[in-house]
Amino acid sequence: MSDDLYFKQHVFFCMNTRDDGRPCCSDHNAQAAQEHAKRRIKQLDLNGQGKIRINKAGCLDRCEQGPVLVVYPQGTWYTYVDNQDIDEIIDVHLIGGKIVERLQIR
């Protein structure tokens, strides 16, 4: 990983809301999941420059597979159901460096 990255990893949670009846991440508690991840990363002292950033994003155009998040710079996409899934992504991927295969979407 390059030393010049402002954040070692950047996690974007889709927060999209659609008014046309198509699936959207906001219908699947995306806001609460993002807040949980942000809180947990802070509790673990993994937030800030050179560490991990948890962000909200507009439409990531994968709502049909949602709710979704993407981890950069790896470009790994995940779906999740609850906070246990979010914790697993944090523990296994963000901290452990391994992909959570059961939650990964391609």
PDB file of N, CA and C in Angstrom:
ATOM      1  N   MET A   1       0.849  -1.179   0.000  1.00  0.00           N
ATOM      2  CA  MET A   1       0.000   0.000   0.000  1.00  0.00           C
ATOM      3  C   MET A   1       0.894   1.242   0.000  1.00  0.00           C
ATOM      4  N   SER A   2       0.577   2.214  -0.778  1.00  0.00           N
ATOM      5  CA  SER A   2       1.374   3.429  -0.899  1.00  0.00           C
ATOM      6  C   SER A   2       1.303   4.269   0.375  1.00  0.00           C
ATOM      7  N   ASP A   3       2.452   4.849   0.758  1.00  0.00           N
ATOM      8  CA  ASP A   3       2.511   5.694   1.945  1.00  0.00           C
ATOM      9  C   ASP A   3       1.874   7.057   1.721  1.00  0.00           C
ATOM     10  N   ASP A   4       1.618   7.427   0.458  1.00  0.00           N
ATOM     11  CA  ASP A   4       1.086   8.755   0.189  1.00  0.00           C
ATOM     12  C   ASP A   4      -0.445   8.805   0.166  1.00  0.00           C
ATOM     13  N   LEU A   5      -1.113   7.710   0.502  1.00  0.00           N
ATOM     14  CA  LEU A   5      -2.564   7.720   0.560  1.00  0.00           C
ATOM     15  C   LEU A   5      -3.014   8.455   1.814  1.00  0.00           C
ATOM     16  N   TYR A   6      -3.968   9.352   1.672  1.00  0.00           N
ATOM     17  CA  TYR A   6      -4.466  10.087   2.833  1.00  0.00           C
ATOM     18  C   TYR A   6      -5.166   9.144   3.798  1.00  0.00           C
ATOM     19  N   PHE A   7      -5.952   8.213   3.232  1.00  0.00           N
ATOM     20  CA  PHE A   7      -6.580   7.158   4.029  1.00  0.00           C
ATOM     21  C   PHE A   7      -6.080   5.827   3.508  1.00  0.00           C
ATOM     22  N   LYS A   8      -5.752   4.916   4.416  1.00  0.00           N
ATOM     23  CA  LYS A   8      -5.317   3.580   4.023  1.00  0.00           C
ATOM     24  C   LYS A   8      -6.453   2.855   3.318  1.00  0.00           C
ATOM     25  N   GLN A   9      -7.678   3.021   3.873  1.00  0.00           N
ATOM     26  CA  GLN A   9      -8.862   2.436   3.262  1.00  0.00           C
ATOM     27  C   GLN A   9     -10.018   3.410   3.400  1.00  0.00           C
ATOM     28  N   HIS A  10     -10.856   3.415   2.385  1.00  0.00           N
ATOM     29  CA  HIS A  10     -12.006   4.315   2.329  1.00  0.00           C
ATOM     30  C   HIS A  10     -13.227   3.446   2.057  1.00  0.00           C
ATOM     31  N   VAL A  11     -14.224   3.512   2.931  1.00  0.00           N
ATOM     32  CA  VAL A  11     -15.426   2.684   2.798  1.00  0.00           C
ATOM     33  C   VAL A  11     -16.604   3.591   2.479  1.00  0.00           C
ATOM     34  N   PHE A  12     -17.269   3.316   1.371  1.00  0.00           N
ATOM     35  CA  PHE A  12     -18.424   4.095   0.939  1.00  0.00           C
ATOM     36  C   PHE A  12     -19.686   3.243   1.063  1.00  0.00           C
ATOM     37  N   PHE A  13     -20.655   3.747   1.828  1.00  0.00           N
ATOM     38  CA  PHE A  13     -21.961   3.106   1.973  1.00  0.00           C
ATOM     39  C   PHE A  13     -22.939   3.813   1.054  1.00  0.00           C
ATOM     40  N   CYS A  14     -23.583   3.057   0.168  1.00  0.00           N
ATOM     41  CA  CYS A  14     -24.616   3.637  -0.677  1.00  0.00           C
ATOM     42  C   CYS A  14     -25.798   4.027   0.193  1.00  0.00           C
ATOM     43  N   MET A  15     -26.256   5.265   0.036  1.00  0.00           N
ATOM     44  CA  MET A  15     -27.402   5.776   0.789  1.00  0.00           C
ATOM     45  C   MET A  15     -28.549   6.149  -0.147  1.00  0.00           C
ATOM     46  N   ASN A  16     -28.494   5.635  -1.351  1.00  0.00           N
ATOM     47  CA  ASN A  16     -29.438   6.047  -2.375  1.00  0.00           C
ATOM     48  C   ASN A  16     -30.898   5.795  -2.013  1.00  0.00           C
ATOM     49  N   THR A  17     -31.740   6.753  -2.396  1.00  0.00           N
ATOM     50  CA  THR A  17     -33.185   6.633  -2.276  1.00  0.00           C
ATOM     51  C   THR A  17     -33.774   6.800  -3.676  1.00  0.00           C
ATOM     52  N   ARG A  18     -34.594   5.843  -4.081  1.00  0.00           N
ATOM     53  CA  ARG A  18     -35.260   5.930  -5.379  1.00  0.00           C
ATOM     54  C   ARG A  18     -36.752   6.110  -5.142  1.00  0.00           C
ATOM     55  N   ASP A  19     -37.348   6.957  -5.943  1.00  0.00           N
ATOM     56  CA  ASP A  19     -38.780   7.236  -5.823  1.00  0.00           C
ATOM     57  C   ASP A  19     -39.625   6.458  -6.820  1.00  0.00           C
ATOM     58  N   ASP A  20     -38.966   5.668  -7.672  1.00  0.00           N
ATOM     59  CA  ASP A  20     -39.704   4.995  -8.746  1.00  0.00           C
ATOM     60  C   ASP A  20     -40.050   3.537  -8.440  1.00  0.00           C
ATOM     61  N   GLY A  21     -39.846   3.102  -7.196  1.00  0.00           N
ATOM     62  CA  GLY A  21     -40.197   1.747  -6.821  1.00  0.00           C
ATOM     63  C   GLY A  21     -39.095   0.721  -6.994  1.00  0.00           C
ATOM     64  N   ARG A  22     -38.007   1.100  -7.678  1.00  0.00           N
ATOM     65  CA  ARG A  22     -36.889   0.161  -7.819  1.00  0.00           C
ATOM     66  C   ARG A  22     -36.167   0.037  -6.477  1.00  0.00           C
ATOM     67  N   PRO A  23     -35.452  -1.075  -6.265  1.00  0.00           N
ATOM     68  CA  PRO A  23     -34.729  -1.252  -5.008  1.00  0.00           C
ATOM     69  C   PRO A  23     -33.748  -0.109  -4.744  1.00  0.00           C
ATOM     70  N   CYS A  24     -33.608   0.232  -3.479  1.00  0.00           N
ATOM     71  CA  CYS A  24     -32.615   1.237  -3.102  1.00  0.00           C
ATOM     72  C   CYS A  24     -32.048   0.890  -1.727  1.00  0.00           C
ATOM     73  N   CYS A  25     -30.813   1.248  -1.530  1.00  0.00           N
ATOM     74  CA  CYS A  25     -30.108   0.890  -0.297  1.00  0.00           C
ATOM     75  C   CYS A  25     -30.720   1.534   0.939  1.00  0.00           C
ATOM     76  N   SER A  26     -31.294   2.700   0.788  1.00  0.00           N
ATOM     77  CA  SER A  26     -31.881   3.367   1.954  1.00  0.00           C
ATOM     78  C   SER A  26     -33.057   2.577   2.531  1.00  0.00           C
ATOM     79  N   ASP A  27     -33.666   1.709   1.716  1.00  0.00           N
ATOM     80  CA  ASP A  27     -34.766   0.869   2.199  1.00  0.00           C
ATOM     81  C   ASP A  27     -34.282  -0.289   3.065  1.00  0.00           C
ATOM     82  N   HIS A  28     -32.956  -0.449   3.169  1.00  0.00           N
ATOM     83  CA  HIS A  28     -32.376  -1.577   3.901  1.00  0.00           C
ATOM     84  C   HIS A  28     -31.463  -1.122   5.033  1.00  0.00           C
ATOM     85  N   ASN A  29     -31.851  -0.032   5.685  1.00  0.00           N
ATOM     86  CA  ASN A  29     -31.129   0.468   6.862  1.00  0.00           C
ATOM     87  C   ASN A  29     -29.673   0.848   6.590  1.00  0.00           C
ATOM     88  N   ALA A  30     -29.413   1.370   5.405  1.00  0.00           N
ATOM     89  CA  ALA A  30     -28.052   1.777   5.064  1.00  0.00           C
ATOM     90  C   ALA A  30     -27.527   2.855   6.005  1.00  0.00           C
ATOM     91  N   GLN A  31     -28.374   3.799   6.380  1.00  0.00           N
ATOM     92  CA  GLN A  31     -27.969   4.877   7.281  1.00  0.00           C
ATOM     93  C   GLN A  31     -27.492   4.318   8.620  1.00  0.00           C
ATOM     94  N   ALA A  32     -28.262   3.421   9.204  1.00  0.00           N
ATOM     95  CA  ALA A  32     -27.901   2.827  10.496  1.00  0.00           C
ATOM     96  C   ALA A  32     -26.627   1.997  10.382  1.00  0.00           C
ATOM     97  N   ALA A  33     -26.461   1.285   9.281  1.00  0.00           N
ATOM     98  CA  ALA A  33     -25.257   0.472   9.078  1.00  0.00           C
ATOM     99  C   ALA A  33     -24.022   1.352   8.962  1.00  0.00           C
ATOM    100  N   GLN A  34     -24.139   2.455   8.216  1.00  0.00           N
ATOM    101  CA  GLN A  34     -23.006   3.381   8.073  1.00  0.00           C
ATOM    102  C   GLN A  34     -22.651   3.993   9.424  1.00  0.00           C
ATOM    103  N   GLU A  35     -23.639   4.380  10.181  1.00  0.00           N
ATOM    104  CA  GLU A  35     -23.393   4.972  11.501  1.00  0.00           C
ATOM    105  C   GLU A  35     -22.740   3.962  12.441  1.00  0.00           C
ATOM    106  N   HIS A  36     -23.177   2.711  12.374  1.00  0.00           N
ATOM    107  CA  HIS A  36     -22.575   1.657  13.192  1.00  0.00           C
ATOM    108  C   HIS A  36     -21.100   1.480  12.824  1.00  0.00           C
ATOM    109  N   ALA A  37     -20.813   1.403  11.519  1.00  0.00           N
ATOM    110  CA  ALA A  37     -19.427   1.223  11.076  1.00  0.00           C
ATOM    111  C   ALA A  37     -18.550   2.393  11.519  1.00  0.00           C
ATOM    112  N   LYS A  38     -19.058   3.595  11.360  1.00  0.00           N
ATOM    113  CA  LYS A  38     -18.289   4.786  11.746  1.00  0.00           C
ATOM    114  C   LYS A  38     -18.001   4.780  13.253  1.00  0.00           C
ATOM    115  N   ARG A  39     -19.006   4.455  14.027  1.00  0.00           N
ATOM    116  CA  ARG A  39     -18.854   4.394  15.486  1.00  0.00           C
ATOM    117  C   ARG A  39     -17.839   3.320  15.883  1.00  0.00           C
ATOM    118  N   ARG A  40     -17.933   2.164  15.270  1.00  0.00           N
ATOM    119  CA  ARG A  40     -17.032   1.053  15.616  1.00  0.00           C
ATOM    120  C   ARG A  40     -15.595   1.362  15.223  1.00  0.00           C
ATOM    121  N   ILE A  41     -15.394   1.957  14.062  1.00  0.00           N
ATOM    122  CA  ILE A  41     -14.034   2.324  13.630  1.00  0.00           C
ATOM    123  C   ILE A  41     -13.439   3.344  14.602  1.00  0.00           C
ATOM    124  N   LYS A  42     -14.240   4.293  15.060  1.00  0.00           N
ATOM    125  CA  LYS A  42     -13.758   5.262  16.053  1.00  0.00           C
ATOM    126  C   LYS A  42     -13.424   4.578  17.375  1.00  0.00           C
ATOM    127  N   GLN A  43     -14.281   3.650  17.819  1.00  0.00           N
ATOM    128  CA  GLN A  43     -14.030   2.918  19.067  1.00  0.00           C
ATOM    129  C   GLN A  43     -12.726   2.133  19.001  1.00  0.00           C
ATOM    130  N   LEU A  44     -12.403   1.618  17.832  1.00  0.00           N
ATOM    131  CA  LEU A  44     -11.176   0.845  17.634  1.00  0.00           C
ATOM    132  C   LEU A  44      -9.970   1.741  17.366  1.00  0.00           C
ATOM    133  N   ASP A  45     -10.185   3.062  17.351  1.00  0.00           N
ATOM    134  CA  ASP A  45      -9.139   4.044  17.057  1.00  0.00           C
ATOM    135  C   ASP A  45      -8.492   3.800  15.691  1.00  0.00           C
ATOM    136  N   LEU A  46      -9.342   3.474  14.727  1.00  0.00           N
ATOM    137  CA  LEU A  46      -8.875   3.214  13.367  1.00  0.00           C
ATOM    138  C   LEU A  46      -9.277   4.317  12.395  1.00  0.00           C
ATOM    139  N   ASN A  47      -9.833   5.413  12.916  1.00  0.00           N
ATOM    140  CA  ASN A  47     -10.267   6.503  12.036  1.00  0.00           C
ATOM    141  C   ASN A  47      -9.190   7.577  11.970  1.00  0.00           C
ATOM    142  N   GLY A  48      -9.250   8.349  10.900  1.00  0.00           N
ATOM    143  CA  GLY A  48      -8.341   9.478  10.744  1.00  0.00           C
ATOM    144  C   GLY A  48      -7.309   9.256   9.661  1.00  0.00           C
ATOM    145  N   GLN A  49      -6.499  10.281   9.458  1.00  0.00           N
ATOM    146  CA  GLN A  49      -5.487  10.260   8.406  1.00  0.00           C
ATOM    147  C   GLN A  49      -4.571   9.048   8.555  1.00  0.00           C
ATOM    148  N   GLY A  50      -4.338   8.379   7.432  1.00  0.00           N
ATOM    149  CA  GLY A  50      -3.490   7.205   7.414  1.00  0.00           C
ATOM    150  C   GLY A  50      -4.195   5.942   7.865  1.00  0.00           C
ATOM    151  N   LYS A  51      -5.463   6.073   8.216  1.00  0.00           N
ATOM    152  CA  LYS A  51      -6.216   4.921   8.726  1.00  0.00           C
ATOM    153  C   LYS A  51      -7.431   4.662   7.841  1.00  0.00           C
ATOM    154  N   ILE A  52      -8.613   4.556   8.434  1.00  0.00           N
ATOM    155  CA  ILE A  52      -9.833   4.178   7.701  1.00  0.00           C
ATOM    156  C   ILE A  52     -10.850   5.297   7.767  1.00  0.00           C
ATOM    157  N   ARG A  53     -11.499   5.566   6.660  1.00  0.00           N
ATOM    158  CA  ARG A  53     -12.559   6.565   6.579  1.00  0.00           C
ATOM    159  C   ARG A  53     -13.852   5.870   6.181  1.00  0.00           C
ATOM    160  N   ILE A  54     -14.918   6.108   6.948  1.00  0.00           N
ATOM    161  CA  ILE A  54     -16.252   5.578   6.642  1.00  0.00           C
ATOM    162  C   ILE A  54     -17.090   6.736   6.112  1.00  0.00           C
ATOM    163  N   ASN A  55     -17.606   6.589   4.890  1.00  0.00           N
ATOM    164  CA  ASN A  55     -18.349   7.664   4.245  1.00  0.00           C
ATOM    165  C   ASN A  55     -19.712   7.231   3.750  1.00  0.00           C
ATOM    166  N   LYS A  56     -20.584   8.223   3.591  1.00  0.00           N
ATOM    167  CA  LYS A  56     -21.855   8.042   2.895  1.00  0.00           C
ATOM    168  C   LYS A  56     -21.612   8.343   1.428  1.00  0.00           C
ATOM    169  N   ALA A  57     -22.344   7.657   0.584  1.00  0.00           N
ATOM    170  CA  ALA A  57     -22.246   7.913  -0.849  1.00  0.00           C
ATOM    171  C   ALA A  57     -23.647   8.003  -1.426  1.00  0.00           C
ATOM    172  N   GLY A  58     -23.746   8.708  -2.524  1.00  0.00           N
ATOM    173  CA  GLY A  58     -24.981   8.706  -3.288  1.00  0.00           C
ATOM    174  C   GLY A  58     -25.089   7.370  -4.004  1.00  0.00           C
ATOM    175  N   CYS A  59     -25.844   7.317  -5.039  1.00  0.00           N
ATOM    176  CA  CYS A  59     -26.073   6.064  -5.743  1.00  0.00           C
ATOM    177  C   CYS A  59     -24.761   5.475  -6.267  1.00  0.00           C
ATOM    178  N   LEU A  60     -24.528   4.217  -5.920  1.00  0.00           N
ATOM    179  CA  LEU A  60     -23.374   3.486  -6.434  1.00  0.00           C
ATOM    180  C   LEU A  60     -23.790   2.557  -7.575  1.00  0.00           C
ATOM    181  N   ASP A  61     -25.060   2.641  -7.971  1.00  0.00           N
ATOM    182  CA  ASP A  61     -25.632   1.930  -9.124  1.00  0.00           C
ATOM    183  C   ASP A  61     -25.606   0.416  -8.984  1.00  0.00           C
ATOM    184  N   ARG A  62     -25.688  -0.058  -7.734  1.00  0.00           N
ATOM    185  CA  ARG A  62     -25.771  -1.505  -7.503  1.00  0.00           C
ATOM    186  C   ARG A  62     -26.855  -1.815  -6.481  1.00  0.00           C
ATOM    187  N   CYS A  63     -27.851  -0.948  -6.384  1.00  0.00           N
ATOM    188  CA  CYS A  63     -28.894  -1.092  -5.371  1.00  0.00           C
ATOM    189  C   CYS A  63     -29.639  -2.420  -5.468  1.00  0.00           C
ATOM    190  N   GLU A  64     -29.731  -2.975  -6.669  1.00  0.00           N
ATOM    191  CA  GLU A  64     -30.427  -4.249  -6.830  1.00  0.00           C
ATOM    192  C   GLU A  64     -29.735  -5.361  -6.055  1.00  0.00           C
ATOM    193  N   GLN A  65     -28.458  -5.186  -5.738  1.00  0.00           N
ATOM    194  CA  GLN A  65     -27.690  -6.167  -4.974  1.00  0.00           C
ATOM    195  C   GLN A  65     -27.537  -5.718  -3.528  1.00  0.00           C
ATOM    196  N   GLY A  66     -28.261  -4.696  -3.153  1.00  0.00           N
ATOM    197  CA  GLY A  66     -28.054  -3.996  -1.913  1.00  0.00           C
ATOM    198  C   GLY A  66     -28.731  -4.558  -0.710  1.00  0.00           C
ATOM    199  N   PRO A  67     -28.401  -3.911   0.373  1.00  0.00           N
ATOM    200  CA  PRO A  67     -27.607  -2.706   0.463  1.00  0.00           C
ATOM    201  C   PRO A  67     -26.139  -3.012   0.154  1.00  0.00           C
ATOM    202  N   VAL A  68     -25.439  -2.003  -0.339  1.00  0.00           N
ATOM    203  CA  VAL A  68     -24.054  -2.212  -0.750  1.00  0.00           C
ATOM    204  C   VAL A  68     -23.120  -1.195  -0.118  1.00  0.00           C
ATOM    205  N   LEU A  69     -21.858  -1.639  -0.032  1.00  0.00           N
ATOM    206  CA  LEU A  69     -20.753  -0.751   0.323  1.00  0.00           C
ATOM    207  C   LEU A  69     -19.566  -1.184  -0.519  1.00  0.00           C
ATOM    208  N   VAL A  70     -18.616  -0.289  -0.681  1.00  0.00           N
ATOM    209  CA  VAL A  70     -17.403  -0.610  -1.425  1.00  0.00           C
ATOM    210  C   VAL A  70     -16.200  -0.112  -0.634  1.00  0.00           C
ATOM    211  N   VAL A  71     -15.149  -0.926  -0.627  1.00  0.00           N
ATOM    212  CA  VAL A  71     -13.917  -0.607   0.084  1.00  0.00           C
ATOM    213  C   VAL A  71     -12.846  -0.264  -0.946  1.00  0.00           C
ATOM    214  N   TYR A  72     -12.266   0.919  -0.813  1.00  0.00           N
ATOM    215  CA  TYR A  72     -11.155   1.338  -1.666  1.00  0.00           C
ATOM    216  C   TYR A  72      -9.911   1.511  -0.829  1.00  0.00           C
ATOM    217  N   PRO A  73      -8.715   1.300  -1.356  1.00  0.00           N
ATOM    218  CA  PRO A  73      -8.409   1.244  -2.782  1.00  0.00           C
ATOM    219  C   PRO A  73      -8.598  -0.126  -3.430  1.00  0.00           C
ATOM    220  N   GLN A  74      -8.982  -1.136  -2.663  1.00  0.00           N
ATOM    221  CA  GLN A  74      -9.119  -2.473  -3.234  1.00  0.00           C
ATOM    222  C   GLN A  74     -10.252  -2.584  -4.245  1.00  0.00           C
ATOM    223  N   GLY A  75     -11.311  -1.796  -4.075  1.00  0.00           N
ATOM    224  CA  GLY A  75     -12.461  -1.895  -4.972  1.00  0.00           C
ATOM    225  C   GLY A  75     -13.296  -3.131  -4.697  1.00  0.00           C
ATOM    226  N   THR A  76     -13.352  -3.543  -3.436  1.00  0.00           N
ATOM    227  CA  THR A  76     -14.115  -4.726  -3.047  1.00  0.00           C
ATOM    228  C   THR A  76     -15.524  -4.312  -2.658  1.00  0.00           C
ATOM    229  N   TRP A  77     -16.511  -4.948  -3.287  1.00  0.00           N
ATOM    230  CA  TRP A  77     -17.926  -4.648  -3.055  1.00  0.00           C
ATOM    231  C   TRP A  77     -18.526  -5.678  -2.118  1.00  0.00           C
ATOM    232  N   TYR A  78     -19.366  -5.186  -1.210  1.00  0.00           N
ATOM    233  CA  TYR A  78     -20.052  -6.056  -0.260  1.00  0.00           C
ATOM    234  C   TYR A  78     -21.526  -5.694  -0.163  1.00  0.00           C
ATOM    235  N   THR A  79     -22.306  -6.691   0.210  1.00  0.00           N
ATOM    236  CA  THR A  79     -23.658  -6.486   0.676  1.00  0.00           C
ATOM    237  C   THR A  79     -23.678  -6.920   2.134  1.00  0.00           C
ATOM    238  N   TYR A  80     -24.729  -6.572   2.834  1.00  0.00           N
ATOM    239  CA  TYR A  80     -24.817  -6.893   4.261  1.00  0.00           C
ATOM    240  C   TYR A  80     -26.277  -6.914   4.675  1.00  0.00           C
ATOM    241  N   VAL A  81     -26.545  -7.557   5.819  1.00  0.00           N
ATOM    242  CA  VAL A  81     -27.903  -7.631   6.332  1.00  0.00           C
ATOM    243  C   VAL A  81     -28.029  -6.878   7.645  1.00  0.00           C
ATOM    244  N   ASP A  82     -27.011  -6.995   8.489  1.00  0.00           N
ATOM    245  CA  ASP A  82     -27.114  -6.427   9.833  1.00  0.00           C
ATOM    246  C   ASP A  82     -25.742  -5.984  10.343  1.00  0.00           C
ATOM    247  N   ASN A  83     -25.706  -5.535  11.599  1.00  0.00           N
ATOM    248  CA  ASN A  83     -24.450  -5.044  12.181  1.00  0.00           C
ATOM    249  C   ASN A  83     -23.417  -6.149  12.342  1.00  0.00           C
ATOM    250  N   GLN A  84     -23.859  -7.389  12.481  1.00  0.00           N
ATOM    251  CA  GLN A  84     -22.906  -8.501  12.551  1.00  0.00           C
ATOM    252  C   GLN A  84     -22.135  -8.626  11.241  1.00  0.00           C
ATOM    253  N   ASP A  85     -22.815  -8.423  10.111  1.00  0.00           N
ATOM    254  CA  ASP A  85     -22.134  -8.440   8.813  1.00  0.00           C
ATOM    255  C   ASP A  85     -21.149  -7.279   8.716  1.00  0.00           C
ATOM    256  N   ILE A  86     -21.553  -6.107   9.162  1.00  0.00           N
ATOM    257  CA  ILE A  86     -20.665  -4.935   9.139  1.00  0.00           C
ATOM    258  C   ILE A  86     -19.440  -5.211  10.000  1.00  0.00           C
ATOM    259  N   ASP A  87     -19.646  -5.770  11.196  1.00  0.00           N
ATOM    260  CA  ASP A  87     -18.521  -6.088  12.082  1.00  0.00           C
ATOM    261  C   ASP A  87     -17.583  -7.106  11.439  1.00  0.00           C
ATOM    262  N   GLU A  88     -18.141  -8.068  10.729  1.00  0.00           N
ATOM    263  CA  GLU A  88     -17.305  -9.060  10.053  1.00  0.00           C
ATOM    264  C   GLU A  88     -16.467  -8.409   8.954  1.00  0.00           C
ATOM    265  N   ILE A  89     -17.043  -7.489   8.208  1.00  0.00           N
ATOM    266  CA  ILE A  89     -16.287  -6.770   7.178  1.00  0.00           C
ATOM    267  C   ILE A  89     -15.174  -5.962   7.830  1.00  0.00           C
ATOM    268  N   ILE A  90     -15.472  -5.311   8.940  1.00  0.00           N
ATOM    269  CA  ILE A  90     -14.448  -4.532   9.653  1.00  0.00           C
ATOM    270  C   ILE A  90     -13.341  -5.458  10.154  1.00  0.00           C
ATOM    271  N   ASP A  91     -13.711  -6.529  10.851  1.00  0.00           N
ATOM    272  CA  ASP A  91     -12.730  -7.408  11.470  1.00  0.00           C
ATOM    273  C   ASP A  91     -11.894  -8.175  10.446  1.00  0.00           C
ATOM    274  N   VAL A  92     -12.564  -8.750   9.468  1.00  0.00           N
ATOM    275  CA  VAL A  92     -11.878  -9.625   8.520  1.00  0.00           C
ATOM    276  C   VAL A  92     -11.193  -8.843   7.402  1.00  0.00           C
ATOM    277  N   HIS A  93     -11.896  -7.883   6.810  1.00  0.00           N
ATOM    278  CA  HIS A  93     -11.322  -7.167   5.665  1.00  0.00           C
ATOM    279  C   HIS A  93     -10.497  -5.949   6.089  1.00  0.00           C
ATOM    280  N   LEU A  94     -11.146  -5.013   6.780  1.00  0.00           N
ATOM    281  CA  LEU A  94     -10.448  -3.759   7.082  1.00  0.00           C
ATOM    282  C   LEU A  94      -9.276  -3.964   8.035  1.00  0.00           C
ATOM    283  N   ILE A  95      -9.440  -4.833   9.007  1.00  0.00           N
ATOM    284  CA  ILE A  95      -8.357  -5.087   9.962  1.00  0.00           C
ATOM    285  C   ILE A  95      -7.488  -6.256   9.501  1.00  0.00           C
ATOM    286  N   GLY A  96      -8.125  -7.352   9.110  1.00  0.00           N
ATOM    287  CA  GLY A  96      -7.390  -8.574   8.782  1.00  0.00           C
ATOM    288  C   GLY A  96      -6.852  -8.672   7.369  1.00  0.00           C
ATOM    289  N   GLY A  97      -7.380  -7.832   6.462  1.00  0.00           N
ATOM    290  CA  GLY A  97      -6.866  -7.823   5.097  1.00  0.00           C
ATOM    291  C   GLY A  97      -7.366  -8.950   4.205  1.00  0.00           C
ATOM    292  N   LYS A  98      -8.414  -9.661   4.641  1.00  0.00           N
ATOM    293  CA  LYS A  98      -8.954 -10.753   3.830  1.00  0.00           C
ATOM    294  C   LYS A  98     -10.375 -10.435   3.396  1.00  0.00           C
ATOM    295  N   ILE A  99     -10.732 -10.880   2.220  1.00  0.00           N
ATOM    296  CA  ILE A  99     -12.077 -10.648   1.695  1.00  0.00           C
ATOM    297  C   ILE A  99     -13.071 -11.556   2.411  1.00  0.00           C
ATOM    298  N   VAL A 100     -14.232 -11.001   2.742  1.00  0.00           N
ATOM    299  CA  VAL A 100     -15.324 -11.775   3.328  1.00  0.00           C
ATOM    300  C   VAL A 100     -16.127 -12.332   2.153  1.00  0.00           C
ATOM    301  N   GLU A 101     -15.766 -13.533   1.740  1.00  0.00           N
ATOM    302  CA  GLU A 101     -16.335 -14.132   0.535  1.00  0.00           C
ATOM    303  C   GLU A 101     -17.849 -14.214   0.557  1.00  0.00           C
ATOM    304  N   ARG A 102     -18.448 -14.559   1.690  1.00  0.00           N
ATOM    305  CA  ARG A 102     -19.896 -14.768   1.748  1.00  0.00           C
ATOM    306  C   ARG A 102     -20.681 -13.480   1.550  1.00  0.00           C
ATOM    307  N   LEU A 103     -20.049 -12.319   1.771  1.00  0.00           N
ATOM    308  CA  LEU A 103     -20.724 -11.027   1.608  1.00  0.00           C
ATOM    309  C   LEU A 103     -20.289 -10.279   0.350  1.00  0.00           C
ATOM    310  N   GLN A 104     -19.247 -10.753  -0.295  1.00  0.00           N
ATOM    311  CA  GLN A 104     -18.723 -10.068  -1.474  1.00  0.00           C
ATOM    312  C   GLN A 104     -19.685 -10.184  -2.652  1.00  0.00           C
ATOM    313  N   ILE A 105     -19.829  -9.083  -3.382  1.00  0.00           N
ATOM    314  CA  ILE A 105     -20.576  -9.111  -4.646  1.00  0.00           C
ATOM    315  C   ILE A 105     -19.612  -8.733  -5.751  1.00  0.00           C
ATOM    316  N   ARG A 106     -19.847  -9.292  -6.919  1.00  0.00           N
ATOM    317  CA  ARG A 106     -18.939  -9.067  -8.069  1.00  0.00           C
ATOM    318  C   ARG A 106     -19.687  -8.422  -9.203  1.00  0.00           C
TER     319      ARG A 106
END
